[in-house]
């Protein structure tokens, strides 16, 4: 068993929280139909 370095989980969670949340966006979906 290997132990993670101190602060590892806090650093991972900070990176996860800093990422923008991607949800359903109507614009890219609509843009495909506009192009067609």
ModelCIF file with pLDDT and N, C-alpha, C, O atoms, coordinates in Angstrom:
data_MODEL
#
_entry.id   MODEL 
#
_entity.id                         1 
_entity.type                       polymer 
_entity.pdbx_number_of_molecules   1 
#
_entity_poly.entity_id                      1 
_entity_poly.type                           'polypeptide(L)' 
_entity_poly.nstd_linkage                   no 
_entity_poly.nstd_monomer                   no 
_entity_poly.pdbx_seq_one_letter_code       
;(UNK)(UNK)(UNK)(UNK)(UNK)(UNK)(UNK)(UNK)(UNK)(UNK)(UNK)(UNK)(UNK)(UNK)(UNK)(UNK)
(UNK)(UNK)(UNK)(UNK)(UNK)(UNK)(UNK)(UNK)(UNK)(UNK)(UNK)(UNK)(UNK)(UNK)(UNK)(UNK)
(UNK)(UNK)(UNK)(UNK)
;
_entity_poly.pdbx_seq_one_letter_code_can   XXXXXXXXXXXXXXXXXXXXXXXXXXXXXXXXXXXX 
_entity_poly.pdbx_strand_id                 A 
#
loop_
_entity_poly_seq.entity_id 
_entity_poly_seq.num 
_entity_poly_seq.mon_id 
_entity_poly_seq.hetero 
1 1  UNK n 
1 2  UNK n 
1 3  UNK n 
1 4  UNK n 
1 5  UNK n 
1 6  UNK n 
1 7  UNK n 
1 8  UNK n 
1 9  UNK n 
1 10 UNK n 
1 11 UNK n 
1 12 UNK n 
1 13 UNK n 
1 14 UNK n 
1 15 UNK n 
1 16 UNK n 
1 17 UNK n 
1 18 UNK n 
1 19 UNK n 
1 20 UNK n 
1 21 UNK n 
1 22 UNK n 
1 23 UNK n 
1 24 UNK n 
1 25 UNK n 
1 26 UNK n 
1 27 UNK n 
1 28 UNK n 
1 29 UNK n 
1 30 UNK n 
1 31 UNK n 
1 32 UNK n 
1 33 UNK n 
1 34 UNK n 
1 35 UNK n 
1 36 UNK n 
#
_struct_asym.id          A 
_struct_asym.entity_id   1 
#
loop_
_ma_qa_metric.id 
_ma_qa_metric.mode 
_ma_qa_metric.name 
_ma_qa_metric.software_group_id 
_ma_qa_metric.type 
1 global pLDDT . pLDDT 
2 local  pLDDT . pLDDT 
#
_ma_qa_metric_global.metric_id      1 
_ma_qa_metric_global.metric_value   81.78 
_ma_qa_metric_global.model_id       1 
_ma_qa_metric_global.ordinal_id     1 
#
loop_
_ma_qa_metric_local.label_asym_id 
_ma_qa_metric_local.label_comp_id 
_ma_qa_metric_local.label_seq_id 
_ma_qa_metric_local.metric_id 
_ma_qa_metric_local.metric_value 
_ma_qa_metric_local.model_id 
_ma_qa_metric_local.ordinal_id 
A UNK 1  2 82.00 1 1  
A UNK 2  2 82.00 1 2  
A UNK 3  2 85.00 1 3  
A UNK 4  2 85.00 1 4  
A UNK 5  2 88.00 1 5  
A UNK 6  2 89.00 1 6  
A UNK 7  2 89.00 1 7  
A UNK 8  2 90.00 1 8  
A UNK 9  2 89.00 1 9  
A UNK 10 2 91.00 1 10 
A UNK 11 2 92.00 1 11 
A UNK 12 2 91.00 1 12 
A UNK 13 2 91.00 1 13 
A UNK 14 2 91.00 1 14 
A UNK 15 2 90.00 1 15 
A UNK 16 2 88.00 1 16 
A UNK 17 2 87.00 1 17 
A UNK 18 2 88.00 1 18 
A UNK 19 2 83.00 1 19 
A UNK 20 2 79.00 1 20 
A UNK 21 2 74.00 1 21 
A UNK 22 2 71.00 1 22 
A UNK 23 2 66.00 1 23 
A UNK 24 2 63.00 1 24 
A UNK 25 2 64.00 1 25 
A UNK 26 2 65.00 1 26 
A UNK 27 2 68.00 1 27 
A UNK 28 2 70.00 1 28 
A UNK 29 2 71.00 1 29 
A UNK 30 2 77.00 1 30 
A UNK 31 2 78.00 1 31 
A UNK 32 2 80.00 1 32 
A UNK 33 2 84.00 1 33 
A UNK 34 2 87.00 1 34 
A UNK 35 2 88.00 1 35 
A UNK 36 2 88.00 1 36 
#
loop_
_atom_site.group_PDB 
_atom_site.id 
_atom_site.type_symbol 
_atom_site.label_atom_id 
_atom_site.label_alt_id 
_atom_site.label_comp_id 
_atom_site.label_asym_id 
_atom_site.label_entity_id 
_atom_site.label_seq_id 
_atom_site.pdbx_PDB_ins_code 
_atom_site.Cartn_x 
_atom_site.Cartn_y 
_atom_site.Cartn_z 
_atom_site.occupancy 
_atom_site.B_iso_or_equiv 
_atom_site.pdbx_formal_charge 
_atom_site.auth_seq_id 
_atom_site.auth_comp_id 
_atom_site.auth_asym_id 
_atom_site.auth_atom_id 
_atom_site.pdbx_PDB_model_num 
ATOM 1   N N  . UNK A 1 1  ? 0.853   -1.189 0.000   1.00 82.00 ? 1  UNK A N  1 
ATOM 2   C CA . UNK A 1 1  ? 0.000   0.000  0.000   1.00 82.00 ? 1  UNK A CA 1 
ATOM 3   C C  . UNK A 1 1  ? 0.885   1.234  0.000   1.00 82.00 ? 1  UNK A C  1 
ATOM 4   O O  . UNK A 1 1  ? 1.906   1.298  0.685   1.00 82.00 ? 1  UNK A O  1 
ATOM 5   N N  . UNK A 1 2  ? 0.464   2.202  -0.783  1.00 82.00 ? 2  UNK A N  1 
ATOM 6   C CA . UNK A 1 2  ? 1.188   3.474  -0.859  1.00 82.00 ? 2  UNK A CA 1 
ATOM 7   C C  . UNK A 1 2  ? 0.292   4.576  -0.303  1.00 82.00 ? 2  UNK A C  1 
ATOM 8   O O  . UNK A 1 2  ? -0.913  4.607  -0.551  1.00 82.00 ? 2  UNK A O  1 
ATOM 9   N N  . UNK A 1 3  ? 0.894   5.454  0.435   1.00 85.00 ? 3  UNK A N  1 
ATOM 10  C CA . UNK A 1 3  ? 0.143   6.549  1.033   1.00 85.00 ? 3  UNK A CA 1 
ATOM 11  C C  . UNK A 1 3  ? 0.328   7.781  0.152   1.00 85.00 ? 3  UNK A C  1 
ATOM 12  O O  . UNK A 1 3  ? 1.437   8.086  -0.287  1.00 85.00 ? 3  UNK A O  1 
ATOM 13  N N  . UNK A 1 4  ? -0.760  8.474  -0.096  1.00 85.00 ? 4  UNK A N  1 
ATOM 14  C CA . UNK A 1 4  ? -0.696  9.698  -0.893  1.00 85.00 ? 4  UNK A CA 1 
ATOM 15  C C  . UNK A 1 4  ? 0.006   10.780 -0.087  1.00 85.00 ? 4  UNK A C  1 
ATOM 16  O O  . UNK A 1 4  ? -0.091  10.804 1.140   1.00 85.00 ? 4  UNK A O  1 
ATOM 17  N N  . UNK A 1 5  ? 0.718   11.682 -0.777  1.00 88.00 ? 5  UNK A N  1 
ATOM 18  C CA . UNK A 1 5  ? 1.410   12.752 -0.055  1.00 88.00 ? 5  UNK A CA 1 
ATOM 19  C C  . UNK A 1 5  ? 0.402   13.683 0.636   1.00 88.00 ? 5  UNK A C  1 
ATOM 20  O O  . UNK A 1 5  ? -0.760  13.756 0.237   1.00 88.00 ? 5  UNK A O  1 
ATOM 21  N N  . UNK A 1 6  ? 0.854   14.382 1.659   1.00 89.00 ? 6  UNK A N  1 
ATOM 22  C CA . UNK A 1 6  ? -0.053  15.290 2.378   1.00 89.00 ? 6  UNK A CA 1 
ATOM 23  C C  . UNK A 1 6  ? -0.619  16.354 1.434   1.00 89.00 ? 6  UNK A C  1 
ATOM 24  O O  . UNK A 1 6  ? 0.101   16.922 0.613   1.00 89.00 ? 6  UNK A O  1 
ATOM 25  N N  . UNK A 1 7  ? -1.895  16.605 1.566   1.00 89.00 ? 7  UNK A N  1 
ATOM 26  C CA . UNK A 1 7  ? -2.550  17.632 0.757   1.00 89.00 ? 7  UNK A CA 1 
ATOM 27  C C  . UNK A 1 7  ? -2.948  17.174 -0.635  1.00 89.00 ? 7  UNK A C  1 
ATOM 28  O O  . UNK A 1 7  ? -3.446  17.971 -1.430  1.00 89.00 ? 7  UNK A O  1 
ATOM 29  N N  . UNK A 1 8  ? -2.735  15.891 -0.940  1.00 90.00 ? 8  UNK A N  1 
ATOM 30  C CA . UNK A 1 8  ? -3.041  15.388 -2.282  1.00 90.00 ? 8  UNK A CA 1 
ATOM 31  C C  . UNK A 1 8  ? -4.527  15.506 -2.599  1.00 90.00 ? 8  UNK A C  1 
ATOM 32  O O  . UNK A 1 8  ? -4.899  16.027 -3.651  1.00 90.00 ? 8  UNK A O  1 
ATOM 33  N N  . UNK A 1 9  ? -5.367  15.032 -1.704  1.00 89.00 ? 9  UNK A N  1 
ATOM 34  C CA . UNK A 1 9  ? -6.813  15.071 -1.974  1.00 89.00 ? 9  UNK A CA 1 
ATOM 35  C C  . UNK A 1 9  ? -7.319  16.507 -2.041  1.00 89.00 ? 9  UNK A C  1 
ATOM 36  O O  . UNK A 1 9  ? -8.206  16.805 -2.841  1.00 89.00 ? 9  UNK A O  1 
ATOM 37  N N  . UNK A 1 10 ? -6.775  17.404 -1.219  1.00 91.00 ? 10 UNK A N  1 
ATOM 38  C CA . UNK A 1 10 ? -7.194  18.815 -1.271  1.00 91.00 ? 10 UNK A CA 1 
ATOM 39  C C  . UNK A 1 10 ? -6.809  19.430 -2.612  1.00 91.00 ? 10 UNK A C  1 
ATOM 40  O O  . UNK A 1 10 ? -7.576  20.204 -3.185  1.00 91.00 ? 10 UNK A O  1 
ATOM 41  N N  . UNK A 1 11 ? -5.620  19.089 -3.114  1.00 92.00 ? 11 UNK A N  1 
ATOM 42  C CA . UNK A 1 11 ? -5.174  19.619 -4.403  1.00 92.00 ? 11 UNK A CA 1 
ATOM 43  C C  . UNK A 1 11 ? -6.040  19.092 -5.549  1.00 92.00 ? 11 UNK A C  1 
ATOM 44  O O  . UNK A 1 11 ? -6.387  19.841 -6.463  1.00 92.00 ? 11 UNK A O  1 
ATOM 45  N N  . UNK A 1 12 ? -6.386  17.813 -5.500  1.00 91.00 ? 12 UNK A N  1 
ATOM 46  C CA . UNK A 1 12 ? -7.242  17.231 -6.535  1.00 91.00 ? 12 UNK A CA 1 
ATOM 47  C C  . UNK A 1 12 ? -8.612  17.895 -6.518  1.00 91.00 ? 12 UNK A C  1 
ATOM 48  O O  . UNK A 1 12 ? -9.140  18.257 -7.570  1.00 91.00 ? 12 UNK A O  1 
ATOM 49  N N  . UNK A 1 13 ? -9.188  18.057 -5.333  1.00 91.00 ? 13 UNK A N  1 
ATOM 50  C CA . UNK A 1 13 ? -10.509 18.675 -5.232  1.00 91.00 ? 13 UNK A CA 1 
ATOM 51  C C  . UNK A 1 13 ? -10.478 20.130 -5.685  1.00 91.00 ? 13 UNK A C  1 
ATOM 52  O O  . UNK A 1 13 ? -11.442 20.615 -6.278  1.00 91.00 ? 13 UNK A O  1 
ATOM 53  N N  . UNK A 1 14 ? -9.380  20.827 -5.411  1.00 91.00 ? 14 UNK A N  1 
ATOM 54  C CA . UNK A 1 14 ? -9.249  22.219 -5.867  1.00 91.00 ? 14 UNK A CA 1 
ATOM 55  C C  . UNK A 1 14 ? -9.229  22.284 -7.393  1.00 91.00 ? 14 UNK A C  1 
ATOM 56  O O  . UNK A 1 14 ? -9.844  23.167 -7.991  1.00 91.00 ? 14 UNK A O  1 
ATOM 57  N N  . UNK A 1 15 ? -8.523  21.350 -8.016  1.00 90.00 ? 15 UNK A N  1 
ATOM 58  C CA . UNK A 1 15 ? -8.496  21.310 -9.485  1.00 90.00 ? 15 UNK A CA 1 
ATOM 59  C C  . UNK A 1 15 ? -9.865  20.978 -10.063 1.00 90.00 ? 15 UNK A C  1 
ATOM 60  O O  . UNK A 1 15 ? -10.278 21.546 -11.074 1.00 90.00 ? 15 UNK A O  1 
ATOM 61  N N  . UNK A 1 16 ? -10.557 20.062 -9.418  1.00 88.00 ? 16 UNK A N  1 
ATOM 62  C CA . UNK A 1 16 ? -11.896 19.700 -9.888  1.00 88.00 ? 16 UNK A CA 1 
ATOM 63  C C  . UNK A 1 16 ? -12.835 20.890 -9.772  1.00 88.00 ? 16 UNK A C  1 
ATOM 64  O O  . UNK A 1 16 ? -13.617 21.156 -10.684 1.00 88.00 ? 16 UNK A O  1 
ATOM 65  N N  . UNK A 1 17 ? -12.762 21.606 -8.657  1.00 87.00 ? 17 UNK A N  1 
ATOM 66  C CA . UNK A 1 17 ? -13.634 22.761 -8.454  1.00 87.00 ? 17 UNK A CA 1 
ATOM 67  C C  . UNK A 1 17 ? -13.310 23.910 -9.394  1.00 87.00 ? 17 UNK A C  1 
ATOM 68  O O  . UNK A 1 17 ? -14.191 24.707 -9.717  1.00 87.00 ? 17 UNK A O  1 
ATOM 69  N N  . UNK A 1 18 ? -12.054 24.011 -9.843  1.00 88.00 ? 18 UNK A N  1 
ATOM 70  C CA . UNK A 1 18 ? -11.680 25.118 -10.728 1.00 88.00 ? 18 UNK A CA 1 
ATOM 71  C C  . UNK A 1 18 ? -12.102 24.886 -12.181 1.00 88.00 ? 18 UNK A C  1 
ATOM 72  O O  . UNK A 1 18 ? -12.117 25.820 -12.983 1.00 88.00 ? 18 UNK A O  1 
ATOM 73  N N  . UNK A 1 19 ? -12.446 23.641 -12.516 1.00 83.00 ? 19 UNK A N  1 
ATOM 74  C CA . UNK A 1 19 ? -12.877 23.335 -13.880 1.00 83.00 ? 19 UNK A CA 1 
ATOM 75  C C  . UNK A 1 19 ? -14.297 23.848 -14.092 1.00 83.00 ? 19 UNK A C  1 
ATOM 76  O O  . UNK A 1 19 ? -15.143 23.714 -13.208 1.00 83.00 ? 19 UNK A O  1 
ATOM 77  N N  . UNK A 1 20 ? -14.564 24.440 -15.268 1.00 79.00 ? 20 UNK A N  1 
ATOM 78  C CA . UNK A 1 20 ? -15.931 24.910 -15.517 1.00 79.00 ? 20 UNK A CA 1 
ATOM 79  C C  . UNK A 1 20 ? -16.890 23.727 -15.647 1.00 79.00 ? 20 UNK A C  1 
ATOM 80  O O  . UNK A 1 20 ? -16.537 22.669 -16.169 1.00 79.00 ? 20 UNK A O  1 
ATOM 81  N N  . UNK A 1 21 ? -18.075 23.932 -15.171 1.00 74.00 ? 21 UNK A N  1 
ATOM 82  C CA . UNK A 1 21 ? -19.094 22.897 -15.221 1.00 74.00 ? 21 UNK A CA 1 
ATOM 83  C C  . UNK A 1 21 ? -19.701 22.900 -16.611 1.00 74.00 ? 21 UNK A C  1 
ATOM 84  O O  . UNK A 1 21 ? -20.175 23.928 -17.096 1.00 74.00 ? 21 UNK A O  1 
ATOM 85  N N  . UNK A 1 22 ? -19.679 21.740 -17.243 1.00 71.00 ? 22 UNK A N  1 
ATOM 86  C CA . UNK A 1 22 ? -20.255 21.621 -18.576 1.00 71.00 ? 22 UNK A CA 1 
ATOM 87  C C  . UNK A 1 22 ? -21.617 20.975 -18.467 1.00 71.00 ? 22 UNK A C  1 
ATOM 88  O O  . UNK A 1 22 ? -21.765 19.884 -17.916 1.00 71.00 ? 22 UNK A O  1 
ATOM 89  N N  . UNK A 1 23 ? -22.586 21.649 -18.988 1.00 66.00 ? 23 UNK A N  1 
ATOM 90  C CA . UNK A 1 23 ? -23.933 21.114 -19.014 1.00 66.00 ? 23 UNK A CA 1 
ATOM 91  C C  . UNK A 1 23 ? -24.425 21.133 -20.448 1.00 66.00 ? 23 UNK A C  1 
ATOM 92  O O  . UNK A 1 23 ? -23.642 21.339 -21.375 1.00 66.00 ? 23 UNK A O  1 
ATOM 93  N N  . UNK A 1 24 ? -25.690 20.924 -20.628 1.00 63.00 ? 24 UNK A N  1 
ATOM 94  C CA . UNK A 1 24 ? -26.261 20.963 -21.967 1.00 63.00 ? 24 UNK A CA 1 
ATOM 95  C C  . UNK A 1 24 ? -26.308 22.400 -22.440 1.00 63.00 ? 24 UNK A C  1 
ATOM 96  O O  . UNK A 1 24 ? -26.888 23.259 -21.775 1.00 63.00 ? 24 UNK A O  1 
ATOM 97  N N  . UNK A 1 25 ? -25.716 22.661 -23.556 1.00 64.00 ? 25 UNK A N  1 
ATOM 98  C CA . UNK A 1 25 ? -25.741 24.002 -24.137 1.00 64.00 ? 25 UNK A CA 1 
ATOM 99  C C  . UNK A 1 25 ? -26.557 23.952 -25.425 1.00 64.00 ? 25 UNK A C  1 
ATOM 100 O O  . UNK A 1 25 ? -26.305 23.130 -26.306 1.00 64.00 ? 25 UNK A O  1 
ATOM 101 N N  . UNK A 1 26 ? -27.510 24.820 -25.513 1.00 65.00 ? 26 UNK A N  1 
ATOM 102 C CA . UNK A 1 26 ? -28.396 24.836 -26.668 1.00 65.00 ? 26 UNK A CA 1 
ATOM 103 C C  . UNK A 1 26 ? -27.686 25.375 -27.899 1.00 65.00 ? 26 UNK A C  1 
ATOM 104 O O  . UNK A 1 26 ? -27.975 24.946 -29.016 1.00 65.00 ? 26 UNK A O  1 
ATOM 105 N N  . UNK A 1 27 ? -26.750 26.318 -27.709 1.00 68.00 ? 27 UNK A N  1 
ATOM 106 C CA . UNK A 1 27 ? -26.110 26.977 -28.850 1.00 68.00 ? 27 UNK A CA 1 
ATOM 107 C C  . UNK A 1 27 ? -25.333 26.018 -29.750 1.00 68.00 ? 27 UNK A C  1 
ATOM 108 O O  . UNK A 1 27 ? -25.544 26.060 -30.962 1.00 68.00 ? 27 UNK A O  1 
ATOM 109 N N  . UNK A 1 28 ? -24.435 25.146 -29.234 1.00 70.00 ? 28 UNK A N  1 
ATOM 110 C CA . UNK A 1 28 ? -23.739 24.231 -30.149 1.00 70.00 ? 28 UNK A CA 1 
ATOM 111 C C  . UNK A 1 28 ? -24.687 23.284 -30.875 1.00 70.00 ? 28 UNK A C  1 
ATOM 112 O O  . UNK A 1 28 ? -24.472 22.956 -32.042 1.00 70.00 ? 28 UNK A O  1 
ATOM 113 N N  . UNK A 1 29 ? -25.728 22.850 -30.189 1.00 71.00 ? 29 UNK A N  1 
ATOM 114 C CA . UNK A 1 29 ? -26.710 21.961 -30.796 1.00 71.00 ? 29 UNK A CA 1 
ATOM 115 C C  . UNK A 1 29 ? -27.440 22.688 -31.921 1.00 71.00 ? 29 UNK A C  1 
ATOM 116 O O  . UNK A 1 29 ? -27.641 22.125 -32.997 1.00 71.00 ? 29 UNK A O  1 
ATOM 117 N N  . UNK A 1 30 ? -27.832 23.922 -31.679 1.00 77.00 ? 30 UNK A N  1 
ATOM 118 C CA . UNK A 1 30 ? -28.543 24.735 -32.664 1.00 77.00 ? 30 UNK A CA 1 
ATOM 119 C C  . UNK A 1 30 ? -27.628 25.120 -33.826 1.00 77.00 ? 30 UNK A C  1 
ATOM 120 O O  . UNK A 1 30 ? -28.078 25.219 -34.967 1.00 77.00 ? 30 UNK A O  1 
ATOM 121 N N  . UNK A 1 31 ? -26.334 25.341 -33.532 1.00 78.00 ? 31 UNK A N  1 
ATOM 122 C CA . UNK A 1 31 ? -25.386 25.754 -34.571 1.00 78.00 ? 31 UNK A CA 1 
ATOM 123 C C  . UNK A 1 31 ? -25.246 24.698 -35.657 1.00 78.00 ? 31 UNK A C  1 
ATOM 124 O O  . UNK A 1 31 ? -25.033 25.043 -36.820 1.00 78.00 ? 31 UNK A O  1 
ATOM 125 N N  . UNK A 1 32 ? -25.356 23.454 -35.317 1.00 80.00 ? 32 UNK A N  1 
ATOM 126 C CA . UNK A 1 32 ? -25.271 22.389 -36.331 1.00 80.00 ? 32 UNK A CA 1 
ATOM 127 C C  . UNK A 1 32 ? -26.406 22.509 -37.337 1.00 80.00 ? 32 UNK A C  1 
ATOM 128 O O  . UNK A 1 32 ? -26.199 22.356 -38.541 1.00 80.00 ? 32 UNK A O  1 
ATOM 129 N N  . UNK A 1 33 ? -27.594 22.783 -36.842 1.00 84.00 ? 33 UNK A N  1 
ATOM 130 C CA . UNK A 1 33 ? -28.734 22.921 -37.739 1.00 84.00 ? 33 UNK A CA 1 
ATOM 131 C C  . UNK A 1 33 ? -28.619 24.184 -38.586 1.00 84.00 ? 33 UNK A C  1 
ATOM 132 O O  . UNK A 1 33 ? -29.026 24.193 -39.748 1.00 84.00 ? 33 UNK A O  1 
ATOM 133 N N  . UNK A 1 34 ? -28.072 25.238 -38.016 1.00 87.00 ? 34 UNK A N  1 
ATOM 134 C CA . UNK A 1 34 ? -27.886 26.473 -38.776 1.00 87.00 ? 34 UNK A CA 1 
ATOM 135 C C  . UNK A 1 34 ? -26.893 26.239 -39.904 1.00 87.00 ? 34 UNK A C  1 
ATOM 136 O O  . UNK A 1 34 ? -27.122 26.686 -41.028 1.00 87.00 ? 34 UNK A O  1 
ATOM 137 N N  . UNK A 1 35 ? -25.800 25.549 -39.626 1.00 88.00 ? 35 UNK A N  1 
ATOM 138 C CA . UNK A 1 35 ? -24.803 25.256 -40.662 1.00 88.00 ? 35 UNK A CA 1 
ATOM 139 C C  . UNK A 1 35 ? -25.416 24.435 -41.789 1.00 88.00 ? 35 UNK A C  1 
ATOM 140 O O  . UNK A 1 35 ? -25.183 24.713 -42.965 1.00 88.00 ? 35 UNK A O  1 
ATOM 141 N N  . UNK A 1 36 ? -26.188 23.441 -41.431 1.00 88.00 ? 36 UNK A N  1 
ATOM 142 C CA . UNK A 1 36 ? -26.826 22.602 -42.450 1.00 88.00 ? 36 UNK A CA 1 
ATOM 143 C C  . UNK A 1 36 ? -27.810 23.431 -43.275 1.00 88.00 ? 36 UNK A C  1 
ATOM 144 O O  . UNK A 1 36 ? -28.449 22.904 -44.185 1.00 88.00 ? 36 UNK A O  1 
#
